[in-house]
Every structure is written in C-alpha cells, then in structure tokens.
Amino acid sequence: MRAILDIIIYALDLYKLVIVAGAVLSWLIAFGVVNIRNDFVRSVWNLFLALTEPFLRPIRNFLPNTGGIDISPIILLLAVMLVERLIIYYVYPYVF
C-alpha cells in the first residue's frame, strides 16, 4: 500500500511541475515571447490546458475578478501541496 501512496505523491509532485510550467508558458504567450501559431507551441499549450483547466476553471469561477491577474494556479498549487502533506502526515504513517 505504501508503494501506491508513493506513486500518488510522485504524481502530485509531477502535477505541481505541470502547473508551474503551464503558468510560465501562459506568461510567455501573453508577452509575445513564443507564438501560439507555431504547431509545437500550440500542441504543448493544448496539453497544459487539458491537464490543468479542469481544476483551474472551478477555482476561477469561485474567485472574484481581479483584473488581469490570475491567481488560480497559485491556489491550485497550494491545494495540491495540502493534499500531498495530508497524505504524508496522516495517511502514510498508518499504512503498512
């Protein structure tokens, strides 16, 4: 059972990297550093959207409008960290 929890923790760590990479890519697209008309950039952007948007959309719907600043990736990152810590501190020690 600990092996399954280790895989879940590694998946959460990987998802944290996906959230950060998606946020950085969105900044690069917004500032015109990379062009969304490039096929590779568009496919990577669609991949990040497919992985993060199902979790970011409910957070964006819940948050008030803050203008041009999107803090939903930060909140999602904190939520993933919370879930990871809950597993490490409260579930992992009691599983054999």
PDB file of N, CA and C in Angstrom:
ATOM      1  N   MET A   1       0.826  -1.200   0.000  1.00  0.00           N
ATOM      2  CA  MET A   1       0.000   0.000   0.000  1.00  0.00           C
ATOM      3  C   MET A   1       0.866   1.258   0.000  1.00  0.00           C
ATOM      4  N   ARG A   2       2.025   1.184   0.676  1.00  0.00           N
ATOM      5  CA  ARG A   2       2.902   2.354   0.670  1.00  0.00           C
ATOM      6  C   ARG A   2       3.430   2.659  -0.726  1.00  0.00           C
ATOM      7  N   ALA A   3       3.588   1.636  -1.524  1.00  0.00           N
ATOM      8  CA  ALA A   3       4.043   1.860  -2.900  1.00  0.00           C
ATOM      9  C   ALA A   3       3.014   2.660  -3.688  1.00  0.00           C
ATOM     10  N   ILE A   4       1.747   2.386  -3.473  1.00  0.00           N
ATOM     11  CA  ILE A   4       0.686   3.142  -4.142  1.00  0.00           C
ATOM     12  C   ILE A   4       0.684   4.587  -3.669  1.00  0.00           C
ATOM     13  N   LEU A   5       0.874   4.792  -2.364  1.00  0.00           N
ATOM     14  CA  LEU A   5       0.945   6.160  -1.845  1.00  0.00           C
ATOM     15  C   LEU A   5       2.173   6.890  -2.375  1.00  0.00           C
ATOM     16  N   ASP A   6       3.287   6.183  -2.527  1.00  0.00           N
ATOM     17  CA  ASP A   6       4.471   6.807  -3.120  1.00  0.00           C
ATOM     18  C   ASP A   6       4.209   7.232  -4.554  1.00  0.00           C
ATOM     19  N   ILE A   7       3.504   6.411  -5.307  1.00  0.00           N
ATOM     20  CA  ILE A   7       3.173   6.764  -6.687  1.00  0.00           C
ATOM     21  C   ILE A   7       2.252   7.982  -6.714  1.00  0.00           C
ATOM     22  N   ILE A   8       1.301   8.041  -5.798  1.00  0.00           N
ATOM     23  CA  ILE A   8       0.401   9.201  -5.724  1.00  0.00           C
ATOM     24  C   ILE A   8       1.176  10.462  -5.380  1.00  0.00           C
ATOM     25  N   ILE A   9       2.115  10.363  -4.456  1.00  0.00           N
ATOM     26  CA  ILE A   9       2.922  11.524  -4.075  1.00  0.00           C
ATOM     27  C   ILE A   9       3.795  11.973  -5.237  1.00  0.00           C
ATOM     28  N   TYR A  10       4.390  11.015  -5.963  1.00  0.00           N
ATOM     29  CA  TYR A  10       5.185  11.379  -7.138  1.00  0.00           C
ATOM     30  C   TYR A  10       4.312  12.011  -8.217  1.00  0.00           C
ATOM     31  N   ALA A  11       3.102  11.521  -8.390  1.00  0.00           N
ATOM     32  CA  ALA A  11       2.191  12.112  -9.374  1.00  0.00           C
ATOM     33  C   ALA A  11       1.811  13.538  -8.975  1.00  0.00           C
ATOM     34  N   LEU A  12       1.606  13.772  -7.683  1.00  0.00           N
ATOM     35  CA  LEU A  12       1.306  15.128  -7.224  1.00  0.00           C
ATOM     36  C   LEU A  12       2.498  16.053  -7.425  1.00  0.00           C
ATOM     37  N   ASP A  13       3.711  15.540  -7.194  1.00  0.00           N
ATOM     38  CA  ASP A  13       4.906  16.346  -7.463  1.00  0.00           C
ATOM     39  C   ASP A  13       5.011  16.699  -8.943  1.00  0.00           C
ATOM     40  N   LEU A  14       4.741  15.733  -9.787  1.00  0.00           N
ATOM     41  CA  LEU A  14       4.769  15.975 -11.228  1.00  0.00           C
ATOM     42  C   LEU A  14       3.683  16.971 -11.631  1.00  0.00           C
ATOM     43  N   TYR A  15       2.515  16.878 -11.012  1.00  0.00           N
ATOM     44  CA  TYR A  15       1.431  17.808 -11.336  1.00  0.00           C
ATOM     45  C   TYR A  15       1.775  19.228 -10.895  1.00  0.00           C
ATOM     46  N   LYS A  16       2.519  19.362  -9.791  1.00  0.00           N
ATOM     47  CA  LYS A  16       2.971  20.698  -9.387  1.00  0.00           C
ATOM     48  C   LYS A  16       3.876  21.301 -10.454  1.00  0.00           C
ATOM     49  N   LEU A  17       4.746  20.496 -11.043  1.00  0.00           N
ATOM     50  CA  LEU A  17       5.598  20.989 -12.125  1.00  0.00           C
ATOM     51  C   LEU A  17       4.776  21.364 -13.356  1.00  0.00           C
ATOM     52  N   VAL A  18       3.731  20.605 -13.640  1.00  0.00           N
ATOM     53  CA  VAL A  18       2.860  20.917 -14.781  1.00  0.00           C
ATOM     54  C   VAL A  18       2.148  22.252 -14.555  1.00  0.00           C
ATOM     55  N   ILE A  19       1.705  22.494 -13.331  1.00  0.00           N
ATOM     56  CA  ILE A  19       1.030  23.762 -13.023  1.00  0.00           C
ATOM     57  C   ILE A  19       1.979  24.937 -13.227  1.00  0.00           C
ATOM     58  N   VAL A  20       3.201  24.817 -12.717  1.00  0.00           N
ATOM     59  CA  VAL A  20       4.177  25.903 -12.850  1.00  0.00           C
ATOM     60  C   VAL A  20       4.564  26.101 -14.313  1.00  0.00           C
ATOM     61  N   ALA A  21       4.805  25.014 -15.027  1.00  0.00           N
ATOM     62  CA  ALA A  21       5.168  25.127 -16.441  1.00  0.00           C
ATOM     63  C   ALA A  21       4.029  25.727 -17.265  1.00  0.00           C
ATOM     64  N   GLY A  22       2.803  25.374 -16.943  1.00  0.00           N
ATOM     65  CA  GLY A  22       1.670  25.965 -17.651  1.00  0.00           C
ATOM     66  C   GLY A  22       1.535  27.448 -17.387  1.00  0.00           C
ATOM     67  N   ALA A  23       1.789  27.863 -16.147  1.00  0.00           N
ATOM     68  CA  ALA A  23       1.731  29.288 -15.828  1.00  0.00           C
ATOM     69  C   ALA A  23       2.842  30.060 -16.542  1.00  0.00           C
ATOM     70  N   VAL A  24       4.038  29.492 -16.570  1.00  0.00           N
ATOM     71  CA  VAL A  24       5.150  30.150 -17.263  1.00  0.00           C
ATOM     72  C   VAL A  24       4.882  30.226 -18.760  1.00  0.00           C
ATOM     73  N   LEU A  25       4.354  29.151 -19.329  1.00  0.00           N
ATOM     74  CA  LEU A  25       4.029  29.172 -20.759  1.00  0.00           C
ATOM     75  C   LEU A  25       2.945  30.202 -21.064  1.00  0.00           C
ATOM     76  N   SER A  26       1.984  30.357 -20.178  1.00  0.00           N
ATOM     77  CA  SER A  26       0.945  31.367 -20.416  1.00  0.00           C
ATOM     78  C   SER A  26       1.536  32.775 -20.365  1.00  0.00           C
ATOM     79  N   TRP A  27       2.513  33.002 -19.495  1.00  0.00           N
ATOM     80  CA  TRP A  27       3.184  34.305 -19.458  1.00  0.00           C
ATOM     81  C   TRP A  27       3.990  34.531 -20.734  1.00  0.00           C
ATOM     82  N   LEU A  28       4.675  33.492 -21.201  1.00  0.00           N
ATOM     83  CA  LEU A  28       5.454  33.632 -22.431  1.00  0.00           C
ATOM     84  C   LEU A  28       4.557  33.915 -23.627  1.00  0.00           C
ATOM     85  N   ILE A  29       3.401  33.308 -23.667  1.00  0.00           N
ATOM     86  CA  ILE A  29       2.455  33.579 -24.744  1.00  0.00           C
ATOM     87  C   ILE A  29       1.884  34.984 -24.610  1.00  0.00           C
ATOM     88  N   ALA A  30       1.561  35.399 -23.390  1.00  0.00           N
ATOM     89  CA  ALA A  30       0.971  36.720 -23.178  1.00  0.00           C
ATOM     90  C   ALA A  30       1.947  37.847 -23.534  1.00  0.00           C
ATOM     91  N   PHE A  31       3.230  37.639 -23.264  1.00  0.00           N
ATOM     92  CA  PHE A  31       4.218  38.675 -23.549  1.00  0.00           C
ATOM     93  C   PHE A  31       4.798  38.575 -24.948  1.00  0.00           C
ATOM     94  N   GLY A  32       4.344  37.615 -25.729  1.00  0.00           N
ATOM     95  CA  GLY A  32       4.761  37.505 -27.121  1.00  0.00           C
ATOM     96  C   GLY A  32       6.128  36.877 -27.317  1.00  0.00           C
ATOM     97  N   VAL A  33       6.646  36.181 -26.322  1.00  0.00           N
ATOM     98  CA  VAL A  33       7.947  35.534 -26.466  1.00  0.00           C
ATOM     99  C   VAL A  33       7.838  34.308 -27.360  1.00  0.00           C
ATOM    100  N   VAL A  34       6.769  33.540 -27.165  1.00  0.00           N
ATOM    101  CA  VAL A  34       6.507  32.394 -28.045  1.00  0.00           C
ATOM    102  C   VAL A  34       5.206  32.662 -28.784  1.00  0.00           C
ATOM    103  N   ASN A  35       5.118  32.084 -29.964  1.00  0.00           N
ATOM    104  CA  ASN A  35       3.979  32.329 -30.831  1.00  0.00           C
ATOM    105  C   ASN A  35       3.060  31.111 -30.814  1.00  0.00           C
ATOM    106  N   ILE A  36       1.805  31.332 -30.530  1.00  0.00           N
ATOM    107  CA  ILE A  36       0.830  30.243 -30.446  1.00  0.00           C
ATOM    108  C   ILE A  36       0.534  29.658 -31.829  1.00  0.00           C
ATOM    109  N   ARG A  37       0.893  30.368 -32.903  1.00  0.00           N
ATOM    110  CA  ARG A  37       0.660  29.844 -34.251  1.00  0.00           C
ATOM    111  C   ARG A  37       1.659  28.759 -34.636  1.00  0.00           C
ATOM    112  N   ASN A  38       2.727  28.614 -33.848  1.00  0.00           N
ATOM    113  CA  ASN A  38       3.665  27.518 -34.060  1.00  0.00           C
ATOM    114  C   ASN A  38       2.996  26.215 -33.640  1.00  0.00           C
ATOM    115  N   ASP A  39       3.103  25.193 -34.474  1.00  0.00           N
ATOM    116  CA  ASP A  39       2.411  23.928 -34.202  1.00  0.00           C
ATOM    117  C   ASP A  39       2.875  23.275 -32.908  1.00  0.00           C
ATOM    118  N   PHE A  40       4.187  23.288 -32.657  1.00  0.00           N
ATOM    119  CA  PHE A  40       4.706  22.666 -31.444  1.00  0.00           C
ATOM    120  C   PHE A  40       4.230  23.412 -30.199  1.00  0.00           C
ATOM    121  N   VAL A  41       4.304  24.730 -30.237  1.00  0.00           N
ATOM    122  CA  VAL A  41       3.866  25.532 -29.090  1.00  0.00           C
ATOM    123  C   VAL A  41       2.375  25.332 -28.852  1.00  0.00           C
ATOM    124  N   ARG A  42       1.600  25.289 -29.923  1.00  0.00           N
ATOM    125  CA  ARG A  42       0.161  25.097 -29.780  1.00  0.00           C
ATOM    126  C   ARG A  42      -0.165  23.721 -29.198  1.00  0.00           C
ATOM    127  N   SER A  43       0.575  22.688 -29.610  1.00  0.00           N
ATOM    128  CA  SER A  43       0.311  21.355 -29.062  1.00  0.00           C
ATOM    129  C   SER A  43       0.712  21.270 -27.597  1.00  0.00           C
ATOM    130  N   VAL A  44       1.824  21.905 -27.225  1.00  0.00           N
ATOM    131  CA  VAL A  44       2.230  21.919 -25.812  1.00  0.00           C
ATOM    132  C   VAL A  44       1.219  22.723 -24.996  1.00  0.00           C
ATOM    133  N   TRP A  45       0.762  23.845 -25.531  1.00  0.00           N
ATOM    134  CA  TRP A  45      -0.219  24.673 -24.828  1.00  0.00           C
ATOM    135  C   TRP A  45      -1.530  23.914 -24.642  1.00  0.00           C
ATOM    136  N   ASN A  46      -1.970  23.191 -25.666  1.00  0.00           N
ATOM    137  CA  ASN A  46      -3.195  22.398 -25.545  1.00  0.00           C
ATOM    138  C   ASN A  46      -3.037  21.274 -24.526  1.00  0.00           C
ATOM    139  N   LEU A  47      -1.830  20.693 -24.449  1.00  0.00           N
ATOM    140  CA  LEU A  47      -1.572  19.668 -23.445  1.00  0.00           C
ATOM    141  C   LEU A  47      -1.683  20.249 -22.034  1.00  0.00           C
ATOM    142  N   PHE A  48      -1.063  21.411 -21.816  1.00  0.00           N
ATOM    143  CA  PHE A  48      -1.154  22.038 -20.498  1.00  0.00           C
ATOM    144  C   PHE A  48      -2.578  22.458 -20.165  1.00  0.00           C
ATOM    145  N   LEU A  49      -3.309  22.926 -21.152  1.00  0.00           N
ATOM    146  CA  LEU A  49      -4.712  23.274 -20.918  1.00  0.00           C
ATOM    147  C   LEU A  49      -5.532  22.047 -20.555  1.00  0.00           C
ATOM    148  N   ALA A  50      -5.283  20.944 -21.240  1.00  0.00           N
ATOM    149  CA  ALA A  50      -6.040  19.723 -20.960  1.00  0.00           C
ATOM    150  C   ALA A  50      -5.726  19.183 -19.564  1.00  0.00           C
ATOM    151  N   LEU A  51      -4.501  19.376 -19.100  1.00  0.00           N
ATOM    152  CA  LEU A  51      -4.122  18.856 -17.790  1.00  0.00           C
ATOM    153  C   LEU A  51      -4.540  19.758 -16.635  1.00  0.00           C
ATOM    154  N   THR A  52      -4.559  21.058 -16.844  1.00  0.00           N
ATOM    155  CA  THR A  52      -4.801  21.970 -15.722  1.00  0.00           C
ATOM    156  C   THR A  52      -6.174  22.627 -15.728  1.00  0.00           C
ATOM    157  N   GLU A  53      -6.750  22.824 -16.878  1.00  0.00           N
ATOM    158  CA  GLU A  53      -8.005  23.582 -16.955  1.00  0.00           C
ATOM    159  C   GLU A  53      -9.173  22.949 -16.207  1.00  0.00           C
ATOM    160  N   PRO A  54      -9.330  21.620 -16.172  1.00  0.00           N
ATOM    161  CA  PRO A  54     -10.448  21.069 -15.393  1.00  0.00           C
ATOM    162  C   PRO A  54     -10.387  21.415 -13.903  1.00  0.00           C
ATOM    163  N   PHE A  55      -9.205  21.658 -13.377  1.00  0.00           N
ATOM    164  CA  PHE A  55      -9.076  22.033 -11.975  1.00  0.00           C
ATOM    165  C   PHE A  55      -9.029  23.544 -11.779  1.00  0.00           C
ATOM    166  N   LEU A  56      -8.558  24.273 -12.783  1.00  0.00           N
ATOM    167  CA  LEU A  56      -8.477  25.728 -12.656  1.00  0.00           C
ATOM    168  C   LEU A  56      -9.818  26.414 -12.885  1.00  0.00           C
ATOM    169  N   ARG A  57     -10.653  25.865 -13.732  1.00  0.00           N
ATOM    170  CA  ARG A  57     -11.935  26.501 -14.056  1.00  0.00           C
ATOM    171  C   ARG A  57     -12.836  26.684 -12.836  1.00  0.00           C
ATOM    172  N   PRO A  58     -13.011  25.661 -11.979  1.00  0.00           N
ATOM    173  CA  PRO A  58     -13.852  25.893 -10.789  1.00  0.00           C
ATOM    174  C   PRO A  58     -13.250  26.926  -9.834  1.00  0.00           C
ATOM    175  N   ILE A  59     -11.927  26.971  -9.763  1.00  0.00           N
ATOM    176  CA  ILE A  59     -11.285  27.979  -8.907  1.00  0.00           C
ATOM    177  C   ILE A  59     -11.523  29.369  -9.479  1.00  0.00           C
ATOM    178  N   ARG A  60     -11.411  29.508 -10.793  1.00  0.00           N
ATOM    179  CA  ARG A  60     -11.657  30.816 -11.428  1.00  0.00           C
ATOM    180  C   ARG A  60     -13.108  31.251 -11.274  1.00  0.00           C
ATOM    181  N   ASN A  61     -14.033  30.298 -11.314  1.00  0.00           N
ATOM    182  CA  ASN A  61     -15.444  30.640 -11.129  1.00  0.00           C
ATOM    183  C   ASN A  61     -15.729  31.077  -9.701  1.00  0.00           C
ATOM    184  N   PHE A  62     -14.998  30.542  -8.753  1.00  0.00           N
ATOM    185  CA  PHE A  62     -15.206  30.865  -7.350  1.00  0.00           C
ATOM    186  C   PHE A  62     -14.582  32.205  -6.962  1.00  0.00           C
ATOM    187  N   LEU A  63     -13.430  32.532  -7.553  1.00  0.00           N
ATOM    188  CA  LEU A  63     -12.710  33.755  -7.197  1.00  0.00           C
ATOM    189  C   LEU A  63     -13.367  34.990  -7.802  1.00  0.00           C
ATOM    190  N   PRO A  64     -13.269  36.124  -7.113  1.00  0.00           N
ATOM    191  CA  PRO A  64     -13.759  37.361  -7.722  1.00  0.00           C
ATOM    192  C   PRO A  64     -12.809  37.820  -8.829  1.00  0.00           C
ATOM    193  N   ASN A  65     -13.291  38.693  -9.690  1.00  0.00           N
ATOM    194  CA  ASN A  65     -12.487  39.209 -10.788  1.00  0.00           C
ATOM    195  C   ASN A  65     -11.384  40.105 -10.226  1.00  0.00           C
ATOM    196  N   THR A  66     -10.131  39.769 -10.531  1.00  0.00           N
ATOM    197  CA  THR A  66      -9.001  40.556 -10.035  1.00  0.00           C
ATOM    198  C   THR A  66      -8.331  41.335 -11.155  1.00  0.00           C
ATOM    199  N   GLY A  67      -9.023  41.562 -12.226  1.00  0.00           N
ATOM    200  CA  GLY A  67      -8.441  42.294 -13.341  1.00  0.00           C
ATOM    201  C   GLY A  67      -7.632  41.380 -14.224  1.00  0.00           C
ATOM    202  N   GLY A  68      -6.399  41.749 -14.502  1.00  0.00           N
ATOM    203  CA  GLY A  68      -5.548  40.964 -15.383  1.00  0.00           C
ATOM    204  C   GLY A  68      -4.712  39.923 -14.670  1.00  0.00           C
ATOM    205  N   ILE A  69      -4.861  39.816 -13.356  1.00  0.00           N
ATOM    206  CA  ILE A  69      -4.046  38.873 -12.589  1.00  0.00           C
ATOM    207  C   ILE A  69      -4.850  37.612 -12.326  1.00  0.00           C
ATOM    208  N   ASP A  70      -4.284  36.484 -12.702  1.00  0.00           N
ATOM    209  CA  ASP A  70      -4.933  35.194 -12.488  1.00  0.00           C
ATOM    210  C   ASP A  70      -4.183  34.465 -11.378  1.00  0.00           C
ATOM    211  N   ILE A  71      -4.801  34.356 -10.214  1.00  0.00           N
ATOM    212  CA  ILE A  71      -4.138  33.697  -9.093  1.00  0.00           C
ATOM    213  C   ILE A  71      -4.626  32.264  -8.905  1.00  0.00           C
ATOM    214  N   SER A  72      -5.422  31.772  -9.835  1.00  0.00           N
ATOM    215  CA  SER A  72      -5.927  30.410  -9.705  1.00  0.00           C
ATOM    216  C   SER A  72      -4.827  29.349  -9.756  1.00  0.00           C
ATOM    217  N   PRO A  73      -3.742  29.498 -10.555  1.00  0.00           N
ATOM    218  CA  PRO A  73      -2.678  28.487 -10.478  1.00  0.00           C
ATOM    219  C   PRO A  73      -2.001  28.444  -9.107  1.00  0.00           C
ATOM    220  N   ILE A  74      -1.893  29.575  -8.449  1.00  0.00           N
ATOM    221  CA  ILE A  74      -1.294  29.600  -7.113  1.00  0.00           C
ATOM    222  C   ILE A  74      -2.177  28.860  -6.121  1.00  0.00           C
ATOM    223  N   ILE A  75      -3.480  29.077  -6.219  1.00  0.00           N
ATOM    224  CA  ILE A  75      -4.404  28.397  -5.314  1.00  0.00           C
ATOM    225  C   ILE A  75      -4.419  26.895  -5.598  1.00  0.00           C
ATOM    226  N   LEU A  76      -4.384  26.510  -6.868  1.00  0.00           N
ATOM    227  CA  LEU A  76      -4.329  25.094  -7.207  1.00  0.00           C
ATOM    228  C   LEU A  76      -3.024  24.467  -6.718  1.00  0.00           C
ATOM    229  N   LEU A  77      -1.927  25.189  -6.848  1.00  0.00           N
ATOM    230  CA  LEU A  77      -0.642  24.698  -6.357  1.00  0.00           C
ATOM    231  C   LEU A  77      -0.673  24.504  -4.844  1.00  0.00           C
ATOM    232  N   LEU A  78      -1.257  25.440  -4.127  1.00  0.00           N
ATOM    233  CA  LEU A  78      -1.389  25.302  -2.676  1.00  0.00           C
ATOM    234  C   LEU A  78      -2.298  24.136  -2.304  1.00  0.00           C
ATOM    235  N   ALA A  79      -3.348  23.924  -3.068  1.00  0.00           N
ATOM    236  CA  ALA A  79      -4.253  22.798  -2.791  1.00  0.00           C
ATOM    237  C   ALA A  79      -3.558  21.458  -3.024  1.00  0.00           C
ATOM    238  N   VAL A  80      -2.755  21.371  -4.077  1.00  0.00           N
ATOM    239  CA  VAL A  80      -2.014  20.137  -4.337  1.00  0.00           C
ATOM    240  C   VAL A  80      -1.000  19.892  -3.228  1.00  0.00           C
ATOM    241  N   MET A  81      -0.341  20.951  -2.774  1.00  0.00           N
ATOM    242  CA  MET A  81       0.605  20.812  -1.665  1.00  0.00           C
ATOM    243  C   MET A  81      -0.103  20.377  -0.386  1.00  0.00           C
ATOM    244  N   LEU A  82      -1.301  20.887  -0.153  1.00  0.00           N
ATOM    245  CA  LEU A  82      -2.073  20.496   1.022  1.00  0.00           C
ATOM    246  C   LEU A  82      -2.443  19.014   0.959  1.00  0.00           C
ATOM    247  N   VAL A  83      -2.905  18.560  -0.188  1.00  0.00           N
ATOM    248  CA  VAL A  83      -3.262  17.148  -0.341  1.00  0.00           C
ATOM    249  C   VAL A  83      -2.038  16.266  -0.143  1.00  0.00           C
ATOM    250  N   GLU A  84      -0.913  16.705  -0.679  1.00  0.00           N
ATOM    251  CA  GLU A  84       0.322  15.939  -0.526  1.00  0.00           C
ATOM    252  C   GLU A  84       0.731  15.846   0.948  1.00  0.00           C
ATOM    253  N   ARG A  85       0.647  16.945   1.659  1.00  0.00           N
ATOM    254  CA  ARG A  85       1.013  16.950   3.088  1.00  0.00           C
ATOM    255  C   ARG A  85       0.031  16.126   3.909  1.00  0.00           C
ATOM    256  N   LEU A  86      -1.245  16.172   3.574  1.00  0.00           N
ATOM    257  CA  LEU A  86      -2.215  15.348   4.283  1.00  0.00           C
ATOM    258  C   LEU A  86      -1.915  13.867   4.113  1.00  0.00           C
ATOM    259  N   ILE A  87      -1.523  13.492   2.908  1.00  0.00           N
ATOM    260  CA  ILE A  87      -1.172  12.094   2.680  1.00  0.00           C
ATOM    261  C   ILE A  87       0.082  11.722   3.455  1.00  0.00           C
ATOM    262  N   ILE A  88       1.082  12.583   3.417  1.00  0.00           N
ATOM    263  CA  ILE A  88       2.350  12.265   4.083  1.00  0.00           C
ATOM    264  C   ILE A  88       2.198  12.187   5.593  1.00  0.00           C
ATOM    265  N   TYR A  89       1.472  13.125   6.184  1.00  0.00           N
ATOM    266  CA  TYR A  89       1.405  13.189   7.639  1.00  0.00           C
ATOM    267  C   TYR A  89       0.294  12.332   8.257  1.00  0.00           C
ATOM    268  N   TYR A  90      -0.808  12.148   7.562  1.00  0.00           N
ATOM    269  CA  TYR A  90      -1.954  11.488   8.189  1.00  0.00           C
ATOM    270  C   TYR A  90      -2.298  10.116   7.611  1.00  0.00           C
ATOM    271  N   VAL A  91      -1.898   9.833   6.392  1.00  0.00           N
ATOM    272  CA  VAL A  91      -2.243   8.551   5.793  1.00  0.00           C
ATOM    273  C   VAL A  91      -1.023   7.627   5.764  1.00  0.00           C
ATOM    274  N   TYR A  92       0.093   8.132   5.331  1.00  0.00           N
ATOM    275  CA  TYR A  92       1.289   7.314   5.131  1.00  0.00           C
ATOM    276  C   TYR A  92       1.776   6.609   6.392  1.00  0.00           C
ATOM    277  N   PRO A  93       1.793   7.254   7.576  1.00  0.00           N
ATOM    278  CA  PRO A  93       2.299   6.545   8.767  1.00  0.00           C
ATOM    279  C   PRO A  93       1.424   5.364   9.214  1.00  0.00           C
ATOM    280  N   TYR A  94       0.153   5.361   8.843  1.00  0.00           N
ATOM    281  CA  TYR A  94      -0.750   4.322   9.318  1.00  0.00           C
ATOM    282  C   TYR A  94      -0.962   3.194   8.316  1.00  0.00           C
ATOM    283  N   VAL A  95      -0.250   3.242   7.207  1.00  0.00           N
ATOM    284  CA  VAL A  95      -0.385   2.209   6.179  1.00  0.00           C
ATOM    285  C   VAL A  95       0.833   1.308   6.249  1.00  0.00           C
ATOM    286  N   PHE A  96       0.588   0.011   6.168  1.00  0.00           N
ATOM    287  CA  PHE A  96       1.687  -0.961   6.243  1.00  0.00           C
ATOM    288  C   PHE A  96       1.994  -1.542   4.903  1.00  0.00           C
TER     289      PHE A  96
END
